[in-house]
Amino acid sequence: MISLPPDWRQADASDDPEIEVLALGPLTEYGYAPTVIVKRLPYLEEGPEKGMAVMLEGGRQEDPTHRVIDVGEAELAGYPAAVAVFTYCIEQRNLTQILYFTTPEELSSGYVVAFIVATPDFGPMAGVFLDIVASFRPEKP
């Protein structure tokens, strides 16, 4: 489904049936391990833009520190996708997240690929995440 750098490890996410992959990179000097999450969601006929809008609105309602930096269009595994970059704060730590969302018609599922990192690590880790995103291939039913 995705390829990870050799120093990353997959973590147990069996408590959330939507999570297909939960992977952690090495702990950085900022005390946070970069994280990749792949979720399979129900198919959304309204498309990736609507799905992204719903996810971002939920984040804003749940967390007053949630700030959207940018939202746009992208491709994920060759499918049209929405992408967003936003920041938030958890346990006195500023985090930045890139979130991709796609709903390929022929797969009858939506997919979210998220990368979460301590904000100071965002620049140095962006290339690693782009390589992981480029390796993503949804599972066909």
C-alpha atoms as a PDB file:
ATOM      1  CA  MET A   1       0.000   0.000   0.000  1.00  0.00           C
ATOM      2  CA  ILE A   2       2.907   2.378   0.819  1.00  0.00           C
ATOM      3  CA  SER A   3       6.674   2.122   1.060  1.00  0.00           C
ATOM      4  CA  LEU A   4       8.372   3.446   4.161  1.00  0.00           C
ATOM      5  CA  PRO A   5      11.974   4.518   4.777  1.00  0.00           C
ATOM      6  CA  PRO A   6      14.039   1.761   6.430  1.00  0.00           C
ATOM      7  CA  ASP A   7      14.203   3.561   9.786  1.00  0.00           C
ATOM      8  CA  TRP A   8      10.385   3.832  10.048  1.00  0.00           C
ATOM      9  CA  ARG A   9       8.222   1.206  11.764  1.00  0.00           C
ATOM     10  CA  GLN A  10       4.594   0.241  11.505  1.00  0.00           C
ATOM     11  CA  ALA A  11       2.548   0.542  14.686  1.00  0.00           C
ATOM     12  CA  ASP A  12      -0.516  -1.365  15.827  1.00  0.00           C
ATOM     13  CA  ALA A  13      -3.745   0.411  14.846  1.00  0.00           C
ATOM     14  CA  SER A  14      -6.087  -2.538  15.318  1.00  0.00           C
ATOM     15  CA  ASP A  15      -8.327  -0.450  17.594  1.00  0.00           C
ATOM     16  CA  ASP A  16      -9.425   1.669  14.582  1.00  0.00           C
ATOM     17  CA  PRO A  17     -10.815  -0.420  11.692  1.00  0.00           C
ATOM     18  CA  GLU A  18     -10.492   2.512   9.239  1.00  0.00           C
ATOM     19  CA  ILE A  19      -6.693   2.686   9.651  1.00  0.00           C
ATOM     20  CA  GLU A  20      -4.851   0.618   7.045  1.00  0.00           C
ATOM     21  CA  VAL A  21      -1.360   1.896   7.957  1.00  0.00           C
ATOM     22  CA  LEU A  22       0.030   3.676  11.006  1.00  0.00           C
ATOM     23  CA  ALA A  23       3.775   4.245  10.747  1.00  0.00           C
ATOM     24  CA  LEU A  24       6.265   6.198  12.832  1.00  0.00           C
ATOM     25  CA  GLY A  25       9.619   7.645  11.914  1.00  0.00           C
ATOM     26  CA  PRO A  26      12.485   8.079  14.359  1.00  0.00           C
ATOM     27  CA  LEU A  27      11.955  10.466  17.268  1.00  0.00           C
ATOM     28  CA  THR A  28      13.376  13.886  16.367  1.00  0.00           C
ATOM     29  CA  GLU A  29      15.178  16.409  18.564  1.00  0.00           C
ATOM     30  CA  TYR A  30      11.793  18.095  19.056  1.00  0.00           C
ATOM     31  CA  GLY A  31      10.496  14.998  20.841  1.00  0.00           C
ATOM     32  CA  TYR A  32       7.990  13.874  18.220  1.00  0.00           C
ATOM     33  CA  ALA A  33       8.096  10.937  15.819  1.00  0.00           C
ATOM     34  CA  PRO A  34       6.880  11.871  12.325  1.00  0.00           C
ATOM     35  CA  THR A  35       3.739   9.862  11.630  1.00  0.00           C
ATOM     36  CA  VAL A  36       2.010   8.565   8.506  1.00  0.00           C
ATOM     37  CA  ILE A  37      -1.579   7.363   8.611  1.00  0.00           C
ATOM     38  CA  VAL A  38      -3.511   5.749   5.765  1.00  0.00           C
ATOM     39  CA  LYS A  39      -7.259   5.406   6.306  1.00  0.00           C
ATOM     40  CA  ARG A  40      -9.850   3.736   4.119  1.00  0.00           C
ATOM     41  CA  LEU A  41     -13.186   5.550   4.304  1.00  0.00           C
ATOM     42  CA  PRO A  42     -16.590   5.018   2.732  1.00  0.00           C
ATOM     43  CA  TYR A  43     -16.845   6.220  -0.863  1.00  0.00           C
ATOM     44  CA  LEU A  44     -17.986   9.838  -1.138  1.00  0.00           C
ATOM     45  CA  GLU A  45     -19.889  10.683  -4.332  1.00  0.00           C
ATOM     46  CA  GLU A  46     -19.352  14.433  -3.841  1.00  0.00           C
ATOM     47  CA  GLY A  47     -15.647  13.956  -4.522  1.00  0.00           C
ATOM     48  CA  PRO A  48     -12.391  14.749  -2.741  1.00  0.00           C
ATOM     49  CA  GLU A  49     -12.995  18.506  -2.349  1.00  0.00           C
ATOM     50  CA  LYS A  50     -16.193  17.926  -0.365  1.00  0.00           C
ATOM     51  CA  GLY A  51     -14.525  15.218   1.725  1.00  0.00           C
ATOM     52  CA  MET A  52     -11.620  17.516   2.545  1.00  0.00           C
ATOM     53  CA  ALA A  53     -13.980  20.365   3.473  1.00  0.00           C
ATOM     54  CA  VAL A  54     -15.830  18.074   5.887  1.00  0.00           C
ATOM     55  CA  MET A  55     -12.586  16.871   7.508  1.00  0.00           C
ATOM     56  CA  LEU A  56     -11.179  20.385   7.880  1.00  0.00           C
ATOM     57  CA  GLU A  57     -14.415  21.729   9.361  1.00  0.00           C
ATOM     58  CA  GLY A  58     -14.437  18.873  11.878  1.00  0.00           C
ATOM     59  CA  GLY A  59     -10.874  19.735  12.883  1.00  0.00           C
ATOM     60  CA  ARG A  60     -11.754  23.395  13.358  1.00  0.00           C
ATOM     61  CA  GLN A  61     -14.740  22.515  15.525  1.00  0.00           C
ATOM     62  CA  GLU A  62     -12.805  20.041  17.687  1.00  0.00           C
ATOM     63  CA  ASP A  63      -9.610  22.040  18.199  1.00  0.00           C
ATOM     64  CA  PRO A  64      -9.351  25.821  18.609  1.00  0.00           C
ATOM     65  CA  THR A  65      -5.613  25.685  17.703  1.00  0.00           C
ATOM     66  CA  HIS A  66      -6.410  24.188  14.257  1.00  0.00           C
ATOM     67  CA  ARG A  67      -5.228  26.596  11.486  1.00  0.00           C
ATOM     68  CA  VAL A  68      -5.498  25.807   7.786  1.00  0.00           C
ATOM     69  CA  ILE A  69      -2.464  27.014   5.819  1.00  0.00           C
ATOM     70  CA  ASP A  70      -3.488  25.941   2.316  1.00  0.00           C
ATOM     71  CA  VAL A  71      -5.941  23.704   0.433  1.00  0.00           C
ATOM     72  CA  GLY A  72      -5.643  22.629  -3.186  1.00  0.00           C
ATOM     73  CA  GLU A  73      -5.912  19.923  -5.802  1.00  0.00           C
ATOM     74  CA  ALA A  74      -3.439  17.084  -6.242  1.00  0.00           C
ATOM     75  CA  GLU A  75      -3.136  13.521  -7.442  1.00  0.00           C
ATOM     76  CA  LEU A  76      -2.849  10.482  -5.218  1.00  0.00           C
ATOM     77  CA  ALA A  77      -1.861   7.240  -6.974  1.00  0.00           C
ATOM     78  CA  GLY A  78      -3.064   8.772 -10.242  1.00  0.00           C
ATOM     79  CA  TYR A  79      -6.504   9.701  -8.866  1.00  0.00           C
ATOM     80  CA  PRO A  80      -7.791  13.253  -8.376  1.00  0.00           C
ATOM     81  CA  ALA A  81      -7.315  14.280  -4.747  1.00  0.00           C
ATOM     82  CA  ALA A  82      -7.658  17.226  -2.441  1.00  0.00           C
ATOM     83  CA  VAL A  83      -4.676  18.216  -0.316  1.00  0.00           C
ATOM     84  CA  ALA A  84      -4.489  20.454   2.743  1.00  0.00           C
ATOM     85  CA  VAL A  85      -1.732  21.690   5.025  1.00  0.00           C
ATOM     86  CA  PHE A  86      -2.650  22.803   8.522  1.00  0.00           C
ATOM     87  CA  THR A  87      -1.217  23.255  11.988  1.00  0.00           C
ATOM     88  CA  TYR A  88      -2.463  22.569  15.489  1.00  0.00           C
ATOM     89  CA  CYS A  89      -1.148  22.172  19.008  1.00  0.00           C
ATOM     90  CA  ILE A  90      -1.187  19.010  21.131  1.00  0.00           C
ATOM     91  CA  GLU A  91       0.358  18.810  24.596  1.00  0.00           C
ATOM     92  CA  GLN A  92       2.259  22.104  24.206  1.00  0.00           C
ATOM     93  CA  ARG A  93       3.724  20.920  20.885  1.00  0.00           C
ATOM     94  CA  ASN A  94       3.051  22.605  17.528  1.00  0.00           C
ATOM     95  CA  LEU A  95       2.365  20.078  14.784  1.00  0.00           C
ATOM     96  CA  THR A  96       1.960  20.463  11.037  1.00  0.00           C
ATOM     97  CA  GLN A  97      -0.045  18.033   8.960  1.00  0.00           C
ATOM     98  CA  ILE A  98      -0.389  17.377   5.220  1.00  0.00           C
ATOM     99  CA  LEU A  99      -3.590  15.559   4.392  1.00  0.00           C
ATOM    100  CA  TYR A 100      -4.504  13.970   1.037  1.00  0.00           C
ATOM    101  CA  PHE A 101      -8.020  12.726   0.320  1.00  0.00           C
ATOM    102  CA  THR A 102      -9.207  10.819  -2.747  1.00  0.00           C
ATOM    103  CA  THR A 103     -12.363   8.920  -3.697  1.00  0.00           C
ATOM    104  CA  PRO A 104     -11.618   6.791  -6.784  1.00  0.00           C
ATOM    105  CA  GLU A 105     -14.918   5.762  -8.382  1.00  0.00           C
ATOM    106  CA  GLU A 106     -13.688   2.319  -9.422  1.00  0.00           C
ATOM    107  CA  LEU A 107     -12.546   1.426  -5.885  1.00  0.00           C
ATOM    108  CA  SER A 108     -15.763   2.237  -3.978  1.00  0.00           C
ATOM    109  CA  SER A 109     -13.646   3.545  -1.082  1.00  0.00           C
ATOM    110  CA  GLY A 110     -12.142   6.852  -0.115  1.00  0.00           C
ATOM    111  CA  TYR A 111      -8.569   7.121   1.116  1.00  0.00           C
ATOM    112  CA  VAL A 112      -6.841   9.572   3.415  1.00  0.00           C
ATOM    113  CA  VAL A 113      -3.059   9.747   3.601  1.00  0.00           C
ATOM    114  CA  ALA A 114      -1.819  11.994   6.394  1.00  0.00           C
ATOM    115  CA  PHE A 115       1.644  13.079   7.475  1.00  0.00           C
ATOM    116  CA  ILE A 116       2.025  14.617  10.927  1.00  0.00           C
ATOM    117  CA  VAL A 117       5.268  16.157  12.123  1.00  0.00           C
ATOM    118  CA  ALA A 118       6.541  18.648  14.713  1.00  0.00           C
ATOM    119  CA  THR A 119       6.365  22.009  12.957  1.00  0.00           C
ATOM    120  CA  PRO A 120      10.157  22.653  13.130  1.00  0.00           C
ATOM    121  CA  ASP A 121      10.685  19.278  11.371  1.00  0.00           C
ATOM    122  CA  PHE A 122       8.232  20.032   8.570  1.00  0.00           C
ATOM    123  CA  GLY A 123      10.752  21.411   6.056  1.00  0.00           C
ATOM    124  CA  PRO A 124      13.419  18.743   6.581  1.00  0.00           C
ATOM    125  CA  MET A 125      10.827  15.923   6.496  1.00  0.00           C
ATOM    126  CA  ALA A 126       8.731  17.126   3.519  1.00  0.00           C
ATOM    127  CA  GLY A 127      10.786  15.174   0.954  1.00  0.00           C
ATOM    128  CA  VAL A 128      10.448  11.956   2.972  1.00  0.00           C
ATOM    129  CA  PHE A 129       6.692  12.357   3.030  1.00  0.00           C
ATOM    130  CA  LEU A 130       6.498  13.133  -0.685  1.00  0.00           C
ATOM    131  CA  ASP A 131       8.363   9.867  -1.366  1.00  0.00           C
ATOM    132  CA  ILE A 132       5.895   7.975   0.849  1.00  0.00           C
ATOM    133  CA  VAL A 133       2.904   9.610  -0.892  1.00  0.00           C
ATOM    134  CA  ALA A 134       4.374   8.777  -4.311  1.00  0.00           C
ATOM    135  CA  SER A 135       4.568   5.103  -3.269  1.00  0.00           C
ATOM    136  CA  PHE A 136       0.888   4.911  -2.182  1.00  0.00           C
ATOM    137  CA  ARG A 137      -1.224   2.385  -4.082  1.00  0.00           C
ATOM    138  CA  PRO A 138      -4.794   1.766  -2.908  1.00  0.00           C
ATOM    139  CA  GLU A 139      -5.870  -1.831  -2.546  1.00  0.00           C
ATOM    140  CA  LYS A 140      -8.320  -2.885  -5.224  1.00  0.00           C
ATOM    141  CA  PRO A 141     -11.333  -4.896  -4.078  1.00  0.00           C
END
